[in-house]
Protein backbone atom coordinates (compact mmCIF):
# COMPACT_ATOMS: atom_id res chain seq x y z
CA UNK A 1 0.00 0.00 0.00
CA UNK A 2 1.34 3.43 -0.91
CA UNK A 3 1.16 6.24 1.59
CA UNK A 4 3.04 7.82 4.44
CA UNK A 5 2.83 6.10 7.80
CA UNK A 6 1.16 8.22 10.46
CA UNK A 7 1.69 8.12 14.21
CA UNK A 8 -0.46 4.99 14.24
CA UNK A 9 1.18 1.89 12.75
CA UNK A 10 -1.91 0.62 10.95
CA UNK A 11 -2.93 3.99 9.45
CA UNK A 12 -1.41 5.34 6.25
CA UNK A 13 -2.27 8.60 4.51
CA UNK A 14 -2.06 8.33 0.74
CA UNK A 15 -3.49 11.70 -0.20
CA UNK A 16 -5.28 14.79 1.04
CA UNK A 17 -7.79 16.31 -1.33
CA UNK A 18 -9.65 19.59 -1.10
CA UNK A 19 -11.44 21.15 -4.07
CA UNK A 20 -8.70 21.47 -6.68
CA UNK A 21 -5.78 20.91 -4.25
CA UNK A 22 -4.14 17.54 -3.90
CA UNK A 23 -1.30 16.44 -1.65
CA UNK A 24 0.25 12.99 -2.20
CA UNK A 25 2.33 11.31 0.49
CA UNK A 26 4.57 8.26 0.43
CA UNK A 27 7.43 6.74 2.41
CA UNK A 28 9.29 5.48 -0.66
CA UNK A 29 10.28 7.43 -3.78
CA UNK A 30 9.00 4.70 -6.11
CA UNK A 31 5.60 4.79 -4.38
CA UNK A 32 5.28 8.53 -4.93
CA UNK A 33 6.33 8.25 -8.57
CA UNK A 34 3.73 5.50 -9.05
CA UNK A 35 1.03 7.78 -7.60
CA UNK A 36 2.19 10.64 -9.86
CA UNK A 37 2.00 8.31 -12.89
CA UNK A 38 -1.52 7.27 -11.92
CA UNK A 39 -2.54 10.90 -11.39
CA UNK A 40 -1.16 11.80 -14.81
CA UNK A 41 -3.09 8.95 -16.45
CA UNK A 42 -6.30 9.88 -14.62
CA UNK A 43 -5.97 13.55 -15.62
CA UNK A 44 -5.35 12.57 -19.24
CA UNK A 45 -8.44 10.30 -19.32
CA UNK A 46 -10.63 13.02 -17.76
CA UNK A 47 -9.28 15.85 -19.92
CA UNK A 48 -7.74 17.59 -16.91
CA UNK A 49 -4.39 19.37 -16.68
CA UNK A 50 -1.99 19.09 -13.75
CA UNK A 51 -0.31 22.48 -13.37
CA UNK A 52 3.30 21.40 -12.91
CA UNK A 53 4.44 25.00 -12.39
CA UNK A 54 2.39 25.00 -9.16
CA UNK A 55 3.37 21.45 -8.22
CA UNK A 56 6.31 20.70 -5.97
CA UNK A 57 7.91 17.97 -3.92
CA UNK A 58 9.04 18.20 -0.30
CA UNK A 59 11.24 15.23 0.57
CA UNK A 60 11.16 15.19 4.38
CA UNK A 61 13.55 12.33 5.03
CA UNK A 62 16.30 13.17 2.53
CA UNK A 63 19.95 13.51 3.45
CA UNK A 64 22.20 15.79 1.43
CA UNK A 65 21.85 15.65 -2.33
CA UNK A 66 20.20 12.23 -2.53
CA UNK A 67 16.78 13.70 -3.33
CA UNK A 68 15.18 11.81 -6.23
CA UNK A 69 13.72 13.65 -9.21
CA UNK A 70 9.98 13.24 -9.65
CA UNK A 71 8.08 13.72 -12.89
CA UNK A 72 4.48 13.99 -13.93
CA UNK A 73 3.50 13.89 -17.58
CA UNK A 74 7.15 14.25 -18.60
CA UNK A 75 7.67 17.44 -16.55
CA UNK A 76 10.09 17.52 -13.64
CA UNK A 77 8.64 18.73 -10.35
CA UNK A 78 10.51 21.33 -8.32
CA UNK A 79 11.92 20.39 -4.91
CA UNK A 80 11.14 22.68 -2.00
CA UNK A 81 11.84 22.83 1.74
CA UNK A 82 8.23 23.48 2.76
CA UNK A 83 4.68 23.53 1.50
CA UNK A 84 1.43 25.06 2.64
CA UNK A 85 -1.72 22.97 2.44
CA UNK A 86 -5.05 24.43 3.55
CA UNK A 87 -3.30 27.01 5.71
CA UNK A 88 -0.99 24.55 7.45
CA UNK A 89 2.73 24.84 6.73
CA UNK A 90 4.88 21.70 6.57
CA UNK A 91 8.58 22.52 6.92
CA UNK A 92 11.48 20.23 6.17
CA UNK A 93 14.09 20.27 8.92
CA UNK A 94 16.97 17.98 9.73
CA UNK A 95 15.10 16.59 12.73
CA UNK A 96 11.66 16.81 11.14
CA UNK A 97 9.96 14.05 9.20
CA UNK A 98 6.53 13.47 7.72
CA UNK A 99 5.48 11.09 10.51
CA UNK A 100 6.24 13.77 13.10
CA UNK A 101 4.45 16.43 11.03
CA UNK A 102 1.43 14.15 10.75
CA UNK A 103 1.35 13.52 14.49
CA UNK A 104 1.61 17.26 15.16
CA UNK A 105 -1.20 18.06 12.72
CA UNK A 106 -3.47 15.15 13.62
CA UNK A 107 -5.14 16.62 16.74
CA UNK A 108 -6.21 19.95 15.13
CA UNK A 109 -7.26 18.12 11.97
CA UNK A 110 -9.40 15.64 13.90
CA UNK A 111 -10.91 18.49 15.96
CA UNK A 112 -11.85 20.24 12.72
CA UNK A 113 -13.39 17.03 11.37
CA UNK A 114 -15.40 16.65 14.56
CA UNK A 115 -16.71 20.22 14.27
CA UNK A 116 -17.70 19.65 10.64
CA UNK A 117 -19.45 16.39 11.57
CA UNK A 118 -21.30 18.14 14.41
CA UNK A 119 -22.41 20.89 12.05
CA UNK A 120 -23.35 18.56 9.20
CA UNK A 121 -25.28 16.09 11.34
CA UNK A 122 -26.79 18.54 13.82
CA UNK A 123 -30.57 18.42 14.27
CA UNK A 124 -32.33 20.52 11.66
CA UNK A 125 -33.89 22.83 14.22
CA UNK A 126 -31.62 25.73 13.27
C-alpha atoms as a PDB file:
ATOM      1  CA  UNK A   1       0.000   0.000   0.000  1.00  0.00           C
ATOM      2  CA  UNK A   2       1.337   3.432  -0.913  1.00  0.00           C
ATOM      3  CA  UNK A   3       1.155   6.245   1.592  1.00  0.00           C
ATOM      4  CA  UNK A   4       3.043   7.819   4.443  1.00  0.00           C
ATOM      5  CA  UNK A   5       2.832   6.102   7.799  1.00  0.00           C
ATOM      6  CA  UNK A   6       1.159   8.223  10.461  1.00  0.00           C
ATOM      7  CA  UNK A   7       1.694   8.117  14.206  1.00  0.00           C
ATOM      8  CA  UNK A   8      -0.463   4.990  14.240  1.00  0.00           C
ATOM      9  CA  UNK A   9       1.178   1.886  12.755  1.00  0.00           C
ATOM     10  CA  UNK A  10      -1.913   0.623  10.948  1.00  0.00           C
ATOM     11  CA  UNK A  11      -2.935   3.990   9.447  1.00  0.00           C
ATOM     12  CA  UNK A  12      -1.412   5.339   6.251  1.00  0.00           C
ATOM     13  CA  UNK A  13      -2.273   8.596   4.515  1.00  0.00           C
ATOM     14  CA  UNK A  14      -2.055   8.330   0.741  1.00  0.00           C
ATOM     15  CA  UNK A  15      -3.488  11.704  -0.196  1.00  0.00           C
ATOM     16  CA  UNK A  16      -5.278  14.786   1.044  1.00  0.00           C
ATOM     17  CA  UNK A  17      -7.793  16.312  -1.331  1.00  0.00           C
ATOM     18  CA  UNK A  18      -9.654  19.587  -1.096  1.00  0.00           C
ATOM     19  CA  UNK A  19     -11.442  21.147  -4.075  1.00  0.00           C
ATOM     20  CA  UNK A  20      -8.698  21.468  -6.678  1.00  0.00           C
ATOM     21  CA  UNK A  21      -5.785  20.906  -4.253  1.00  0.00           C
ATOM     22  CA  UNK A  22      -4.141  17.536  -3.902  1.00  0.00           C
ATOM     23  CA  UNK A  23      -1.302  16.436  -1.654  1.00  0.00           C
ATOM     24  CA  UNK A  24       0.249  12.992  -2.204  1.00  0.00           C
ATOM     25  CA  UNK A  25       2.333  11.311   0.494  1.00  0.00           C
ATOM     26  CA  UNK A  26       4.570   8.259   0.431  1.00  0.00           C
ATOM     27  CA  UNK A  27       7.426   6.743   2.411  1.00  0.00           C
ATOM     28  CA  UNK A  28       9.291   5.477  -0.655  1.00  0.00           C
ATOM     29  CA  UNK A  29      10.282   7.426  -3.778  1.00  0.00           C
ATOM     30  CA  UNK A  30       9.003   4.702  -6.107  1.00  0.00           C
ATOM     31  CA  UNK A  31       5.603   4.789  -4.377  1.00  0.00           C
ATOM     32  CA  UNK A  32       5.282   8.535  -4.933  1.00  0.00           C
ATOM     33  CA  UNK A  33       6.333   8.247  -8.568  1.00  0.00           C
ATOM     34  CA  UNK A  34       3.731   5.496  -9.052  1.00  0.00           C
ATOM     35  CA  UNK A  35       1.033   7.777  -7.605  1.00  0.00           C
ATOM     36  CA  UNK A  36       2.190  10.639  -9.862  1.00  0.00           C
ATOM     37  CA  UNK A  37       2.004   8.308 -12.888  1.00  0.00           C
ATOM     38  CA  UNK A  38      -1.520   7.271 -11.924  1.00  0.00           C
ATOM     39  CA  UNK A  39      -2.538  10.897 -11.392  1.00  0.00           C
ATOM     40  CA  UNK A  40      -1.163  11.796 -14.810  1.00  0.00           C
ATOM     41  CA  UNK A  41      -3.094   8.949 -16.452  1.00  0.00           C
ATOM     42  CA  UNK A  42      -6.299   9.885 -14.625  1.00  0.00           C
ATOM     43  CA  UNK A  43      -5.971  13.549 -15.615  1.00  0.00           C
ATOM     44  CA  UNK A  44      -5.349  12.572 -19.238  1.00  0.00           C
ATOM     45  CA  UNK A  45      -8.435  10.301 -19.317  1.00  0.00           C
ATOM     46  CA  UNK A  46     -10.631  13.016 -17.763  1.00  0.00           C
ATOM     47  CA  UNK A  47      -9.279  15.851 -19.915  1.00  0.00           C
ATOM     48  CA  UNK A  48      -7.736  17.592 -16.914  1.00  0.00           C
ATOM     49  CA  UNK A  49      -4.392  19.366 -16.676  1.00  0.00           C
ATOM     50  CA  UNK A  50      -1.986  19.093 -13.747  1.00  0.00           C
ATOM     51  CA  UNK A  51      -0.314  22.478 -13.370  1.00  0.00           C
ATOM     52  CA  UNK A  52       3.298  21.399 -12.911  1.00  0.00           C
ATOM     53  CA  UNK A  53       4.440  24.998 -12.386  1.00  0.00           C
ATOM     54  CA  UNK A  54       2.385  24.995  -9.161  1.00  0.00           C
ATOM     55  CA  UNK A  55       3.366  21.446  -8.218  1.00  0.00           C
ATOM     56  CA  UNK A  56       6.311  20.699  -5.970  1.00  0.00           C
ATOM     57  CA  UNK A  57       7.912  17.971  -3.919  1.00  0.00           C
ATOM     58  CA  UNK A  58       9.044  18.197  -0.303  1.00  0.00           C
ATOM     59  CA  UNK A  59      11.236  15.234   0.574  1.00  0.00           C
ATOM     60  CA  UNK A  60      11.160  15.195   4.378  1.00  0.00           C
ATOM     61  CA  UNK A  61      13.549  12.328   5.029  1.00  0.00           C
ATOM     62  CA  UNK A  62      16.303  13.167   2.532  1.00  0.00           C
ATOM     63  CA  UNK A  63      19.953  13.511   3.447  1.00  0.00           C
ATOM     64  CA  UNK A  64      22.202  15.788   1.426  1.00  0.00           C
ATOM     65  CA  UNK A  65      21.853  15.654  -2.331  1.00  0.00           C
ATOM     66  CA  UNK A  66      20.203  12.228  -2.527  1.00  0.00           C
ATOM     67  CA  UNK A  67      16.782  13.701  -3.330  1.00  0.00           C
ATOM     68  CA  UNK A  68      15.176  11.813  -6.228  1.00  0.00           C
ATOM     69  CA  UNK A  69      13.718  13.650  -9.211  1.00  0.00           C
ATOM     70  CA  UNK A  70       9.975  13.235  -9.646  1.00  0.00           C
ATOM     71  CA  UNK A  71       8.081  13.719 -12.892  1.00  0.00           C
ATOM     72  CA  UNK A  72       4.477  13.992 -13.934  1.00  0.00           C
ATOM     73  CA  UNK A  73       3.497  13.891 -17.580  1.00  0.00           C
ATOM     74  CA  UNK A  74       7.146  14.253 -18.600  1.00  0.00           C
ATOM     75  CA  UNK A  75       7.669  17.444 -16.554  1.00  0.00           C
ATOM     76  CA  UNK A  76      10.093  17.523 -13.642  1.00  0.00           C
ATOM     77  CA  UNK A  77       8.638  18.728 -10.352  1.00  0.00           C
ATOM     78  CA  UNK A  78      10.511  21.333  -8.318  1.00  0.00           C
ATOM     79  CA  UNK A  79      11.922  20.392  -4.912  1.00  0.00           C
ATOM     80  CA  UNK A  80      11.141  22.683  -2.003  1.00  0.00           C
ATOM     81  CA  UNK A  81      11.845  22.832   1.737  1.00  0.00           C
ATOM     82  CA  UNK A  82       8.234  23.478   2.757  1.00  0.00           C
ATOM     83  CA  UNK A  83       4.684  23.532   1.501  1.00  0.00           C
ATOM     84  CA  UNK A  84       1.426  25.059   2.636  1.00  0.00           C
ATOM     85  CA  UNK A  85      -1.724  22.968   2.445  1.00  0.00           C
ATOM     86  CA  UNK A  86      -5.055  24.432   3.555  1.00  0.00           C
ATOM     87  CA  UNK A  87      -3.300  27.009   5.706  1.00  0.00           C
ATOM     88  CA  UNK A  88      -0.987  24.548   7.452  1.00  0.00           C
ATOM     89  CA  UNK A  89       2.731  24.840   6.733  1.00  0.00           C
ATOM     90  CA  UNK A  90       4.875  21.697   6.573  1.00  0.00           C
ATOM     91  CA  UNK A  91       8.578  22.523   6.924  1.00  0.00           C
ATOM     92  CA  UNK A  92      11.485  20.226   6.171  1.00  0.00           C
ATOM     93  CA  UNK A  93      14.092  20.271   8.918  1.00  0.00           C
ATOM     94  CA  UNK A  94      16.975  17.981   9.727  1.00  0.00           C
ATOM     95  CA  UNK A  95      15.100  16.594  12.726  1.00  0.00           C
ATOM     96  CA  UNK A  96      11.657  16.812  11.143  1.00  0.00           C
ATOM     97  CA  UNK A  97       9.961  14.054   9.203  1.00  0.00           C
ATOM     98  CA  UNK A  98       6.527  13.470   7.718  1.00  0.00           C
ATOM     99  CA  UNK A  99       5.484  11.089  10.514  1.00  0.00           C
ATOM    100  CA  UNK A 100       6.244  13.775  13.103  1.00  0.00           C
ATOM    101  CA  UNK A 101       4.451  16.426  11.026  1.00  0.00           C
ATOM    102  CA  UNK A 102       1.430  14.151  10.747  1.00  0.00           C
ATOM    103  CA  UNK A 103       1.348  13.521  14.488  1.00  0.00           C
ATOM    104  CA  UNK A 104       1.609  17.259  15.155  1.00  0.00           C
ATOM    105  CA  UNK A 105      -1.202  18.060  12.722  1.00  0.00           C
ATOM    106  CA  UNK A 106      -3.468  15.154  13.623  1.00  0.00           C
ATOM    107  CA  UNK A 107      -5.139  16.624  16.735  1.00  0.00           C
ATOM    108  CA  UNK A 108      -6.209  19.949  15.128  1.00  0.00           C
ATOM    109  CA  UNK A 109      -7.258  18.118  11.966  1.00  0.00           C
ATOM    110  CA  UNK A 110      -9.403  15.636  13.901  1.00  0.00           C
ATOM    111  CA  UNK A 111     -10.906  18.486  15.958  1.00  0.00           C
ATOM    112  CA  UNK A 112     -11.846  20.240  12.718  1.00  0.00           C
ATOM    113  CA  UNK A 113     -13.393  17.034  11.365  1.00  0.00           C
ATOM    114  CA  UNK A 114     -15.395  16.648  14.561  1.00  0.00           C
ATOM    115  CA  UNK A 115     -16.713  20.225  14.275  1.00  0.00           C
ATOM    116  CA  UNK A 116     -17.705  19.646  10.642  1.00  0.00           C
ATOM    117  CA  UNK A 117     -19.448  16.394  11.565  1.00  0.00           C
ATOM    118  CA  UNK A 118     -21.298  18.137  14.412  1.00  0.00           C
ATOM    119  CA  UNK A 119     -22.410  20.891  12.046  1.00  0.00           C
ATOM    120  CA  UNK A 120     -23.349  18.559   9.199  1.00  0.00           C
ATOM    121  CA  UNK A 121     -25.281  16.093  11.344  1.00  0.00           C
ATOM    122  CA  UNK A 122     -26.790  18.542  13.822  1.00  0.00           C
ATOM    123  CA  UNK A 123     -30.567  18.420  14.271  1.00  0.00           C
ATOM    124  CA  UNK A 124     -32.328  20.516  11.655  1.00  0.00           C
ATOM    125  CA  UNK A 125     -33.890  22.829  14.220  1.00  0.00           C
ATOM    126  CA  UNK A 126     -31.624  25.727  13.274  1.00  0.00           C
END
